[in-house]
């Protein structure tokens, strides 16, 4: 994961370098009709950044959603087993509902 983040950082630096160089030499680029070449370099660097950032985006999405999925599964399991306990009289309904609310607040 750290390697991916370093790679993304390097790609961002590459883009900044192209933009700064184009900004500093915009007159020269314009005079010699080099806009398409500079644009092509910038597009290549942008595509490289996109490719490098895909693994980190996938990990970020997984990190955002995984805890929610786990808490939902645990709550579903507790609803099943706790609900069965309430029906059988092994668990008081107040304790059952309080536990559900506590799990909802956490997850």
PDB file of N, CA and C in Angstrom:
ATOM      1  N   UNK A   1       0.827  -1.196   0.000  1.00  0.00           N
ATOM      2  CA  UNK A   1       0.000   0.000   0.000  1.00  0.00           C
ATOM      3  C   UNK A   1       0.871   1.259   0.000  1.00  0.00           C
ATOM      4  N   UNK A   2       1.926   1.237   0.769  1.00  0.00           N
ATOM      5  CA  UNK A   2       2.820   2.389   0.811  1.00  0.00           C
ATOM      6  C   UNK A   2       3.490   2.599  -0.544  1.00  0.00           C
ATOM      7  N   UNK A   3       3.858   1.500  -1.197  1.00  0.00           N
ATOM      8  CA  UNK A   3       4.477   1.589  -2.522  1.00  0.00           C
ATOM      9  C   UNK A   3       3.517   2.236  -3.521  1.00  0.00           C
ATOM     10  N   UNK A   4       2.232   1.853  -3.456  1.00  0.00           N
ATOM     11  CA  UNK A   4       1.238   2.448  -4.354  1.00  0.00           C
ATOM     12  C   UNK A   4       1.117   3.950  -4.104  1.00  0.00           C
ATOM     13  N   UNK A   5       1.115   4.341  -2.835  1.00  0.00           N
ATOM     14  CA  UNK A   5       0.982   5.759  -2.512  1.00  0.00           C
ATOM     15  C   UNK A   5       2.203   6.552  -2.985  1.00  0.00           C
ATOM     16  N   UNK A   6       3.381   5.963  -2.856  1.00  0.00           N
ATOM     17  CA  UNK A   6       4.594   6.623  -3.353  1.00  0.00           C
ATOM     18  C   UNK A   6       4.541   6.766  -4.864  1.00  0.00           C
ATOM     19  N   UNK A   7       4.059   5.732  -5.534  1.00  0.00           N
ATOM     20  CA  UNK A   7       3.941   5.761  -6.990  1.00  0.00           C
ATOM     21  C   UNK A   7       2.970   6.862  -7.427  1.00  0.00           C
ATOM     22  N   UNK A   8       1.850   6.984  -6.723  1.00  0.00           N
ATOM     23  CA  UNK A   8       0.875   8.039  -7.032  1.00  0.00           C
ATOM     24  C   UNK A   8       1.510   9.410  -6.812  1.00  0.00           C
ATOM     25  N   UNK A   9       2.252   9.549  -5.735  1.00  0.00           N
ATOM     26  CA  UNK A   9       2.930  10.820  -5.457  1.00  0.00           C
ATOM     27  C   UNK A   9       3.915  11.195  -6.549  1.00  0.00           C
ATOM     28  N   UNK A  10       4.659  10.199  -7.038  1.00  0.00           N
ATOM     29  CA  UNK A  10       5.609  10.462  -8.126  1.00  0.00           C
ATOM     30  C   UNK A  10       4.878  10.889  -9.396  1.00  0.00           C
ATOM     31  N   UNK A  11       3.768  10.252  -9.685  1.00  0.00           N
ATOM     32  CA  UNK A  11       2.999  10.604 -10.892  1.00  0.00           C
ATOM     33  C   UNK A  11       2.424  12.020 -10.768  1.00  0.00           C
ATOM     34  N   UNK A  12       1.991  12.385  -9.579  1.00  0.00           N
ATOM     35  CA  UNK A  12       1.480  13.743  -9.370  1.00  0.00           C
ATOM     36  C   UNK A  12       2.598  14.761  -9.570  1.00  0.00           C
ATOM     37  N   UNK A  13       3.774  14.428  -9.075  1.00  0.00           N
ATOM     38  CA  UNK A  13       4.931  15.315  -9.255  1.00  0.00           C
ATOM     39  C   UNK A  13       5.262  15.475 -10.739  1.00  0.00           C
ATOM     40  N   UNK A  14       5.172  14.384 -11.487  1.00  0.00           N
ATOM     41  CA  UNK A  14       5.420  14.456 -12.936  1.00  0.00           C
ATOM     42  C   UNK A  14       4.454  15.425 -13.611  1.00  0.00           C
ATOM     43  N   UNK A  15       3.192  15.372 -13.222  1.00  0.00           N
ATOM     44  CA  UNK A  15       2.190  16.258 -13.818  1.00  0.00           C
ATOM     45  C   UNK A  15       2.481  17.707 -13.460  1.00  0.00           C
ATOM     46  N   UNK A  16       2.821  17.948 -12.207  1.00  0.00           N
ATOM     47  CA  UNK A  16       3.125  19.312 -11.774  1.00  0.00           C
ATOM     48  C   UNK A  16       4.325  19.853 -12.549  1.00  0.00           C
ATOM     49  N   UNK A  17       5.322  19.025 -12.771  1.00  0.00           N
ATOM     50  CA  UNK A  17       6.497  19.464 -13.534  1.00  0.00           C
ATOM     51  C   UNK A  17       6.126  19.879 -14.951  1.00  0.00           C
ATOM     52  N   UNK A  18       5.283  19.087 -15.610  1.00  0.00           N
ATOM     53  CA  UNK A  18       4.868  19.420 -16.978  1.00  0.00           C
ATOM     54  C   UNK A  18       4.095  20.731 -16.989  1.00  0.00           C
ATOM     55  N   UNK A  19       3.191  20.896 -16.037  1.00  0.00           N
ATOM     56  CA  UNK A  19       2.379  22.120 -15.991  1.00  0.00           C
ATOM     57  C   UNK A  19       3.256  23.330 -15.710  1.00  0.00           C
ATOM     58  N   UNK A  20       4.183  23.205 -14.767  1.00  0.00           N
ATOM     59  CA  UNK A  20       5.063  24.330 -14.457  1.00  0.00           C
ATOM     60  C   UNK A  20       5.951  24.690 -15.649  1.00  0.00           C
ATOM     61  N   UNK A  21       6.480  23.672 -16.302  1.00  0.00           N
ATOM     62  CA  UNK A  21       7.328  23.929 -17.474  1.00  0.00           C
ATOM     63  C   UNK A  21       6.527  24.582 -18.592  1.00  0.00           C
ATOM     64  N   UNK A  22       5.315  24.123 -18.803  1.00  0.00           N
ATOM     65  CA  UNK A  22       4.468  24.724 -19.836  1.00  0.00           C
ATOM     66  C   UNK A  22       4.120  26.163 -19.478  1.00  0.00           C
ATOM     67  N   UNK A  23       3.884  26.411 -18.209  1.00  0.00           N
ATOM     68  CA  UNK A  23       3.556  27.771 -17.779  1.00  0.00           C
ATOM     69  C   UNK A  23       4.753  28.704 -17.959  1.00  0.00           C
ATOM     70  N   UNK A  24       5.927  28.231 -17.610  1.00  0.00           N
ATOM     71  CA  UNK A  24       7.127  29.057 -17.726  1.00  0.00           C
ATOM     72  C   UNK A  24       7.516  29.308 -19.181  1.00  0.00           C
ATOM     73  N   UNK A  25       7.186  28.356 -20.053  1.00  0.00           N
ATOM     74  CA  UNK A  25       7.594  28.457 -21.458  1.00  0.00           C
ATOM     75  C   UNK A  25       6.406  28.618 -22.401  1.00  0.00           C
ATOM     76  N   UNK A  26       5.320  29.176 -21.901  1.00  0.00           N
ATOM     77  CA  UNK A  26       4.118  29.246 -22.735  1.00  0.00           C
ATOM     78  C   UNK A  26       4.335  30.066 -24.006  1.00  0.00           C
ATOM     79  N   UNK A  27       5.139  31.080 -23.936  1.00  0.00           N
ATOM     80  CA  UNK A  27       5.411  31.912 -25.111  1.00  0.00           C
ATOM     81  C   UNK A  27       6.170  31.102 -26.168  1.00  0.00           C
ATOM     82  N   UNK A  28       7.170  30.372 -25.723  1.00  0.00           N
ATOM     83  CA  UNK A  28       7.966  29.540 -26.624  1.00  0.00           C
ATOM     84  C   UNK A  28       7.109  28.425 -27.230  1.00  0.00           C
ATOM     85  N   UNK A  29       6.287  27.813 -26.416  1.00  0.00           N
ATOM     86  CA  UNK A  29       5.388  26.751 -26.893  1.00  0.00           C
ATOM     87  C   UNK A  29       4.439  27.300 -27.945  1.00  0.00           C
ATOM     88  N   UNK A  30       3.934  28.491 -27.691  1.00  0.00           N
ATOM     89  CA  UNK A  30       3.004  29.114 -28.635  1.00  0.00           C
ATOM     90  C   UNK A  30       3.705  29.511 -29.934  1.00  0.00           C
ATOM     91  N   UNK A  31       4.883  30.107 -29.811  1.00  0.00           N
ATOM     92  CA  UNK A  31       5.611  30.570 -31.004  1.00  0.00           C
ATOM     93  C   UNK A  31       6.009  29.427 -31.933  1.00  0.00           C
ATOM     94  N   UNK A  32       6.350  28.291 -31.377  1.00  0.00           N
ATOM     95  CA  UNK A  32       6.811  27.164 -32.187  1.00  0.00           C
ATOM     96  C   UNK A  32       5.747  26.069 -32.353  1.00  0.00           C
ATOM     97  N   UNK A  33       4.508  26.424 -32.071  1.00  0.00           N
ATOM     98  CA  UNK A  33       3.366  25.517 -32.276  1.00  0.00           C
ATOM     99  C   UNK A  33       3.588  24.149 -31.612  1.00  0.00           C
ATOM    100  N   UNK A  34       3.998  24.176 -30.367  1.00  0.00           N
ATOM    101  CA  UNK A  34       4.297  22.951 -29.625  1.00  0.00           C
ATOM    102  C   UNK A  34       3.159  22.546 -28.676  1.00  0.00           C
ATOM    103  N   UNK A  35       2.033  23.208 -28.814  1.00  0.00           N
ATOM    104  CA  UNK A  35       0.932  22.946 -27.889  1.00  0.00           C
ATOM    105  C   UNK A  35       0.486  21.481 -27.917  1.00  0.00           C
ATOM    106  N   UNK A  36       0.370  20.900 -29.093  1.00  0.00           N
ATOM    107  CA  UNK A  36      -0.069  19.502 -29.199  1.00  0.00           C
ATOM    108  C   UNK A  36       0.922  18.547 -28.527  1.00  0.00           C
ATOM    109  N   UNK A  37       2.220  18.818 -28.666  1.00  0.00           N
ATOM    110  CA  UNK A  37       3.217  17.952 -28.046  1.00  0.00           C
ATOM    111  C   UNK A  37       3.144  18.053 -26.515  1.00  0.00           C
ATOM    112  N   UNK A  38       3.002  19.264 -26.021  1.00  0.00           N
ATOM    113  CA  UNK A  38       2.896  19.449 -24.567  1.00  0.00           C
ATOM    114  C   UNK A  38       1.603  18.815 -24.053  1.00  0.00           C
ATOM    115  N   UNK A  39       0.543  18.984 -24.795  1.00  0.00           N
ATOM    116  CA  UNK A  39      -0.729  18.382 -24.417  1.00  0.00           C
ATOM    117  C   UNK A  39      -0.621  16.857 -24.401  1.00  0.00           C
ATOM    118  N   UNK A  40       0.071  16.299 -25.369  1.00  0.00           N
ATOM    119  CA  UNK A  40       0.259  14.852 -25.438  1.00  0.00           C
ATOM    120  C   UNK A  40       1.048  14.340 -24.228  1.00  0.00           C
ATOM    121  N   UNK A  41       2.094  15.061 -23.853  1.00  0.00           N
ATOM    122  CA  UNK A  41       2.884  14.676 -22.681  1.00  0.00           C
ATOM    123  C   UNK A  41       2.022  14.735 -21.426  1.00  0.00           C
ATOM    124  N   UNK A  42       1.235  15.796 -21.300  1.00  0.00           N
ATOM    125  CA  UNK A  42       0.366  15.941 -20.129  1.00  0.00           C
ATOM    126  C   UNK A  42      -0.690  14.834 -20.092  1.00  0.00           C
ATOM    127  N   UNK A  43      -1.249  14.486 -21.230  1.00  0.00           N
ATOM    128  CA  UNK A  43      -2.233  13.397 -21.278  1.00  0.00           C
ATOM    129  C   UNK A  43      -1.602  12.070 -20.882  1.00  0.00           C
ATOM    130  N   UNK A  44      -0.385  11.824 -21.349  1.00  0.00           N
ATOM    131  CA  UNK A  44       0.318  10.589 -20.983  1.00  0.00           C
ATOM    132  C   UNK A  44       0.559  10.520 -19.471  1.00  0.00           C
ATOM    133  N   UNK A  45       0.988  11.628 -18.910  1.00  0.00           N
ATOM    134  CA  UNK A  45       1.252  11.663 -17.467  1.00  0.00           C
ATOM    135  C   UNK A  45      -0.043  11.505 -16.668  1.00  0.00           C
ATOM    136  N   UNK A  46      -1.122  12.094 -17.173  1.00  0.00           N
ATOM    137  CA  UNK A  46      -2.413  11.964 -16.493  1.00  0.00           C
ATOM    138  C   UNK A  46      -2.902  10.523 -16.534  1.00  0.00           C
ATOM    139  N   UNK A  47      -2.744   9.873 -17.668  1.00  0.00           N
ATOM    140  CA  UNK A  47      -3.139   8.463 -17.769  1.00  0.00           C
ATOM    141  C   UNK A  47      -2.282   7.595 -16.854  1.00  0.00           C
ATOM    142  N   UNK A  48      -1.020   7.931 -16.733  1.00  0.00           N
ATOM    143  CA  UNK A  48      -0.135   7.199 -15.841  1.00  0.00           C
ATOM    144  C   UNK A  48      -0.580   7.368 -14.388  1.00  0.00           C
ATOM    145  N   UNK A  49      -0.993   8.583 -14.022  1.00  0.00           N
ATOM    146  CA  UNK A  49      -1.506   8.824 -12.666  1.00  0.00           C
ATOM    147  C   UNK A  49      -2.787   8.037 -12.423  1.00  0.00           C
ATOM    148  N   UNK A  50      -3.656   8.022 -13.409  1.00  0.00           N
ATOM    149  CA  UNK A  50      -4.912   7.274 -13.270  1.00  0.00           C
ATOM    150  C   UNK A  50      -4.637   5.797 -13.052  1.00  0.00           C
ATOM    151  N   UNK A  51      -3.729   5.246 -13.834  1.00  0.00           N
ATOM    152  CA  UNK A  51      -3.388   3.824 -13.694  1.00  0.00           C
ATOM    153  C   UNK A  51      -2.740   3.543 -12.341  1.00  0.00           C
ATOM    154  N   UNK A  52      -1.902   4.445 -11.875  1.00  0.00           N
ATOM    155  CA  UNK A  52      -1.213   4.232 -10.602  1.00  0.00           C
ATOM    156  C   UNK A  52      -2.152   4.374  -9.411  1.00  0.00           C
ATOM    157  N   UNK A  53      -3.191   5.191  -9.547  1.00  0.00           N
ATOM    158  CA  UNK A  53      -4.076   5.438  -8.408  1.00  0.00           C
ATOM    159  C   UNK A  53      -5.210   4.429  -8.286  1.00  0.00           C
ATOM    160  N   UNK A  54      -5.406   3.568  -9.275  1.00  0.00           N
ATOM    161  CA  UNK A  54      -6.489   2.590  -9.211  1.00  0.00           C
ATOM    162  C   UNK A  54      -6.388   1.656  -7.997  1.00  0.00           C
ATOM    163  N   UNK A  55      -5.230   1.060  -7.710  1.00  0.00           N
ATOM    164  CA  UNK A  55      -5.169   0.180  -6.536  1.00  0.00           C
ATOM    165  C   UNK A  55      -5.466   0.904  -5.229  1.00  0.00           C
ATOM    166  N   UNK A  56      -5.019   2.147  -5.098  1.00  0.00           N
ATOM    167  CA  UNK A  56      -5.278   2.876  -3.855  1.00  0.00           C
ATOM    168  C   UNK A  56      -6.745   3.243  -3.731  1.00  0.00           C
ATOM    169  N   UNK A  57      -7.398   3.527  -4.858  1.00  0.00           N
ATOM    170  CA  UNK A  57      -8.827   3.830  -4.804  1.00  0.00           C
ATOM    171  C   UNK A  57      -9.631   2.598  -4.424  1.00  0.00           C
ATOM    172  N   UNK A  58      -9.229   1.447  -4.967  1.00  0.00           N
ATOM    173  CA  UNK A  58      -9.909   0.202  -4.612  1.00  0.00           C
ATOM    174  C   UNK A  58      -9.770  -0.102  -3.131  1.00  0.00           C
ATOM    175  N   UNK A  59      -8.585   0.100  -2.592  1.00  0.00           N
ATOM    176  CA  UNK A  59      -8.368  -0.140  -1.164  1.00  0.00           C
ATOM    177  C   UNK A  59      -9.164   0.841  -0.320  1.00  0.00           C
ATOM    178  N   UNK A  60      -9.231   2.096  -0.747  1.00  0.00           N
ATOM    179  CA  UNK A  60      -9.992   3.090   0.009  1.00  0.00           C
ATOM    180  C   UNK A  60     -11.478   2.758   0.023  1.00  0.00           C
ATOM    181  N   UNK A  61     -11.995   2.315  -1.105  1.00  0.00           N
ATOM    182  CA  UNK A  61     -13.409   1.940  -1.166  1.00  0.00           C
ATOM    183  C   UNK A  61     -13.675   0.746  -0.260  1.00  0.00           C
ATOM    184  N   UNK A  62     -12.790  -0.245  -0.312  1.00  0.00           N
ATOM    185  CA  UNK A  62     -12.953  -1.426   0.542  1.00  0.00           C
ATOM    186  C   UNK A  62     -12.902  -1.032   2.016  1.00  0.00           C
ATOM    187  N   UNK A  63     -11.987  -0.136   2.372  1.00  0.00           N
ATOM    188  CA  UNK A  63     -11.878   0.306   3.760  1.00  0.00           C
ATOM    189  C   UNK A  63     -13.108   1.090   4.208  1.00  0.00           C
ATOM    190  N   UNK A  64     -13.738   1.796   3.287  1.00  0.00           N
ATOM    191  CA  UNK A  64     -14.933   2.563   3.636  1.00  0.00           C
ATOM    192  C   UNK A  64     -16.149   1.669   3.843  1.00  0.00           C
ATOM    193  N   UNK A  65     -16.304   0.650   3.030  1.00  0.00           N
ATOM    194  CA  UNK A  65     -17.512  -0.169   3.067  1.00  0.00           C
ATOM    195  C   UNK A  65     -17.419  -1.399   3.955  1.00  0.00           C
ATOM    196  N   UNK A  66     -16.235  -1.947   4.148  1.00  0.00           N
ATOM    197  CA  UNK A  66     -16.092  -3.204   4.880  1.00  0.00           C
ATOM    198  C   UNK A  66     -16.664  -3.156   6.302  1.00  0.00           C
ATOM    199  N   UNK A  67     -16.360  -2.138   7.102  1.00  0.00           N
ATOM    200  CA  UNK A  67     -16.930  -2.122   8.456  1.00  0.00           C
ATOM    201  C   UNK A  67     -18.457  -2.107   8.456  1.00  0.00           C
ATOM    202  N   UNK A  68     -19.045  -1.414   7.507  1.00  0.00           N
ATOM    203  CA  UNK A  68     -20.508  -1.393   7.412  1.00  0.00           C
ATOM    204  C   UNK A  68     -21.079  -2.756   7.096  1.00  0.00           C
ATOM    205  N   UNK A  69     -20.408  -3.476   6.208  1.00  0.00           N
ATOM    206  CA  UNK A  69     -20.866  -4.828   5.872  1.00  0.00           C
ATOM    207  C   UNK A  69     -20.746  -5.761   7.065  1.00  0.00           C
ATOM    208  N   UNK A  70     -19.648  -5.668   7.776  1.00  0.00           N
ATOM    209  CA  UNK A  70     -19.449  -6.535   8.937  1.00  0.00           C
ATOM    210  C   UNK A  70     -20.505  -6.258   9.997  1.00  0.00           C
ATOM    211  N   UNK A  71     -20.741  -4.984  10.298  1.00  0.00           N
ATOM    212  CA  UNK A  71     -21.739  -4.669  11.322  1.00  0.00           C
ATOM    213  C   UNK A  71     -23.137  -5.095  10.878  1.00  0.00           C
ATOM    214  N   UNK A  72     -23.442  -4.978   9.594  1.00  0.00           N
ATOM    215  CA  UNK A  72     -24.748  -5.420   9.101  1.00  0.00           C
ATOM    216  C   UNK A  72     -24.900  -6.931   9.252  1.00  0.00           C
ATOM    217  N   UNK A  73     -23.851  -7.673   8.926  1.00  0.00           N
ATOM    218  CA  UNK A  73     -23.901  -9.131   9.081  1.00  0.00           C
ATOM    219  C   UNK A  73     -24.034  -9.537  10.548  1.00  0.00           C
ATOM    220  N   UNK A  74     -23.290  -8.867  11.410  1.00  0.00           N
ATOM    221  CA  UNK A  74     -23.399  -9.181  12.836  1.00  0.00           C
ATOM    222  C   UNK A  74     -24.785  -8.843  13.375  1.00  0.00           C
ATOM    223  N   UNK A  75     -25.333  -7.736  12.947  1.00  0.00           N
ATOM    224  CA  UNK A  75     -26.667  -7.347  13.381  1.00  0.00           C
ATOM    225  C   UNK A  75     -27.709  -8.337  12.861  1.00  0.00           C
ATOM    226  N   UNK A  76     -27.552  -8.790  11.631  1.00  0.00           N
ATOM    227  CA  UNK A  76     -28.489  -9.781  11.080  1.00  0.00           C
ATOM    228  C   UNK A  76     -28.414 -11.082  11.874  1.00  0.00           C
ATOM    229  N   UNK A  77     -27.201 -11.499  12.203  1.00  0.00           N
ATOM    230  CA  UNK A  77     -27.045 -12.708  13.016  1.00  0.00           C
ATOM    231  C   UNK A  77     -27.661 -12.548  14.389  1.00  0.00           C
ATOM    232  N   UNK A  78     -27.445 -11.389  15.006  1.00  0.00           N
ATOM    233  CA  UNK A  78     -28.038 -11.166  16.328  1.00  0.00           C
ATOM    234  C   UNK A  78     -29.560 -11.093  16.244  1.00  0.00           C
ATOM    235  N   UNK A  79     -30.071 -10.486  15.183  1.00  0.00           N
ATOM    236  CA  UNK A  79     -31.524 -10.443  15.021  1.00  0.00           C
ATOM    237  C   UNK A  79     -32.105 -11.857  14.950  1.00  0.00           C
ATOM    238  N   UNK A  80     -31.415 -12.716  14.237  1.00  0.00           N
ATOM    239  CA  UNK A  80     -31.891 -14.096  14.087  1.00  0.00           C
ATOM    240  C   UNK A  80     -31.843 -14.841  15.426  1.00  0.00           C
ATOM    241  N   UNK A  81     -30.670 -14.868  16.011  1.00  0.00           N
ATOM    242  CA  UNK A  81     -30.518 -15.635  17.249  1.00  0.00           C
ATOM    243  C   UNK A  81     -31.163 -14.950  18.448  1.00  0.00           C
ATOM    244  N   UNK A  82     -31.038 -13.623  18.523  1.00  0.00           N
ATOM    245  CA  UNK A  82     -31.673 -12.896  19.626  1.00  0.00           C
ATOM    246  C   UNK A  82     -33.181 -12.925  19.519  1.00  0.00           C
ATOM    247  N   UNK A  83     -33.686 -12.789  18.297  1.00  0.00           N
ATOM    248  CA  UNK A  83     -35.148 -12.861  18.096  1.00  0.00           C
ATOM    249  C   UNK A  83     -35.694 -14.220  18.487  1.00  0.00           C
ATOM    250  N   UNK A  84     -34.947 -15.238  18.163  1.00  0.00           N
ATOM    251  CA  UNK A  84     -35.344 -16.597  18.567  1.00  0.00           C
ATOM    252  C   UNK A  84     -35.352 -16.708  20.091  1.00  0.00           C
ATOM    253  N   UNK A  85     -34.357 -16.101  20.728  1.00  0.00           N
ATOM    254  CA  UNK A  85     -34.300 -16.109  22.197  1.00  0.00           C
ATOM    255  C   UNK A  85     -35.460 -15.368  22.819  1.00  0.00           C
ATOM    256  N   UNK A  86     -35.882 -14.266  22.210  1.00  0.00           N
ATOM    257  CA  UNK A  86     -37.036 -13.508  22.720  1.00  0.00           C
ATOM    258  C   UNK A  86     -38.301 -14.342  22.580  1.00  0.00           C
ATOM    259  N   UNK A  87     -38.483 -14.967  21.437  1.00  0.00           N
ATOM    260  CA  UNK A  87     -39.685 -15.792  21.207  1.00  0.00           C
ATOM    261  C   UNK A  87     -39.729 -16.960  22.200  1.00  0.00           C
ATOM    262  N   UNK A  88     -38.588 -17.556  22.475  1.00  0.00           N
ATOM    263  CA  UNK A  88     -38.539 -18.692  23.404  1.00  0.00           C
ATOM    264  C   UNK A  88     -38.601 -18.260  24.857  1.00  0.00           C
ATOM    265  N   UNK A  89     -38.465 -16.976  25.126  1.00  0.00           N
ATOM    266  CA  UNK A  89     -38.498 -16.472  26.484  1.00  0.00           C
ATOM    267  C   UNK A  89     -37.149 -16.507  27.182  1.00  0.00           C
ATOM    268  N   UNK A  90     -36.084 -16.774  26.454  1.00  0.00           N
ATOM    269  CA  UNK A  90     -34.738 -16.834  27.028  1.00  0.00           C
ATOM    270  C   UNK A  90     -34.098 -15.452  27.144  1.00  0.00           C
ATOM    271  N   UNK A  91     -34.631 -14.471  26.443  1.00  0.00           N
ATOM    272  CA  UNK A  91     -34.062 -13.125  26.413  1.00  0.00           C
ATOM    273  C   UNK A  91     -35.188 -12.117  26.512  1.00  0.00           C
ATOM    274  N   UNK A  92     -35.004 -11.110  27.369  1.00  0.00           N
ATOM    275  CA  UNK A  92     -36.028 -10.077  27.512  1.00  0.00           C
ATOM    276  C   UNK A  92     -36.000  -9.159  26.306  1.00  0.00           C
ATOM    277  N   UNK A  93     -37.184  -8.708  25.922  1.00  0.00           N
ATOM    278  CA  UNK A  93     -37.291  -7.868  24.720  1.00  0.00           C
ATOM    279  C   UNK A  93     -36.553  -6.546  24.891  1.00  0.00           C
ATOM    280  N   UNK A  94     -36.535  -5.995  26.093  1.00  0.00           N
ATOM    281  CA  UNK A  94     -35.830  -4.736  26.341  1.00  0.00           C
ATOM    282  C   UNK A  94     -34.329  -4.870  26.115  1.00  0.00           C
ATOM    283  N   UNK A  95     -33.755  -5.961  26.598  1.00  0.00           N
ATOM    284  CA  UNK A  95     -32.323  -6.205  26.405  1.00  0.00           C
ATOM    285  C   UNK A  95     -32.019  -6.427  24.924  1.00  0.00           C
ATOM    286  N   UNK A  96     -32.904  -7.124  24.256  1.00  0.00           N
ATOM    287  CA  UNK A  96     -32.750  -7.378  22.828  1.00  0.00           C
ATOM    288  C   UNK A  96     -32.739  -6.072  22.044  1.00  0.00           C
ATOM    289  N   UNK A  97     -33.732  -5.206  22.289  1.00  0.00           N
ATOM    290  CA  UNK A  97     -33.820  -3.932  21.567  1.00  0.00           C
ATOM    291  C   UNK A  97     -32.671  -2.989  21.923  1.00  0.00           C
ATOM    292  N   UNK A  98     -32.276  -2.992  23.200  1.00  0.00           N
ATOM    293  CA  UNK A  98     -31.158  -2.129  23.614  1.00  0.00           C
ATOM    294  C   UNK A  98     -29.867  -2.558  22.920  1.00  0.00           C
ATOM    295  N   UNK A  99     -29.660  -3.856  22.792  1.00  0.00           N
ATOM    296  CA  UNK A  99     -28.461  -4.352  22.118  1.00  0.00           C
ATOM    297  C   UNK A  99     -28.481  -3.980  20.637  1.00  0.00           C
ATOM    298  N   UNK A 100     -29.646  -4.100  20.011  1.00  0.00           N
ATOM    299  CA  UNK A 100     -29.764  -3.717  18.595  1.00  0.00           C
ATOM    300  C   UNK A 100     -29.431  -2.236  18.421  1.00  0.00           C
ATOM    301  N   UNK A 101     -29.976  -1.379  19.277  1.00  0.00           N
ATOM    302  CA  UNK A 101     -29.693   0.063  19.171  1.00  0.00           C
ATOM    303  C   UNK A 101     -28.223   0.363  19.392  1.00  0.00           C
ATOM    304  N   UNK A 102     -27.606  -0.343  20.326  1.00  0.00           N
ATOM    305  CA  UNK A 102     -26.173  -0.118  20.599  1.00  0.00           C
ATOM    306  C   UNK A 102     -25.336  -0.512  19.375  1.00  0.00           C
ATOM    307  N   UNK A 103     -25.671  -1.641  18.767  1.00  0.00           N
ATOM    308  CA  UNK A 103     -24.920  -2.093  17.598  1.00  0.00           C
ATOM    309  C   UNK A 103     -25.135  -1.134  16.423  1.00  0.00           C
ATOM    310  N   UNK A 104     -26.367  -0.620  16.271  1.00  0.00           N
ATOM    311  CA  UNK A 104     -26.647   0.356  15.200  1.00  0.00           C
ATOM    312  C   UNK A 104     -25.831   1.626  15.388  1.00  0.00           C
ATOM    313  N   UNK A 105     -25.707   2.071  16.625  1.00  0.00           N
ATOM    314  CA  UNK A 105     -24.941   3.297  16.896  1.00  0.00           C
ATOM    315  C   UNK A 105     -23.454   3.100  16.597  1.00  0.00           C
ATOM    316  N   UNK A 106     -22.938   1.939  16.900  1.00  0.00           N
ATOM    317  CA  UNK A 106     -21.518   1.666  16.668  1.00  0.00           C
ATOM    318  C   UNK A 106     -21.222   1.513  15.188  1.00  0.00           C
ATOM    319  N   UNK A 107     -22.073   0.733  14.495  1.00  0.00           N
ATOM    320  CA  UNK A 107     -21.799   0.412  13.096  1.00  0.00           C
ATOM    321  C   UNK A 107     -22.434   1.375  12.177  1.00  0.00           C
TER     322      UNK A 107
END
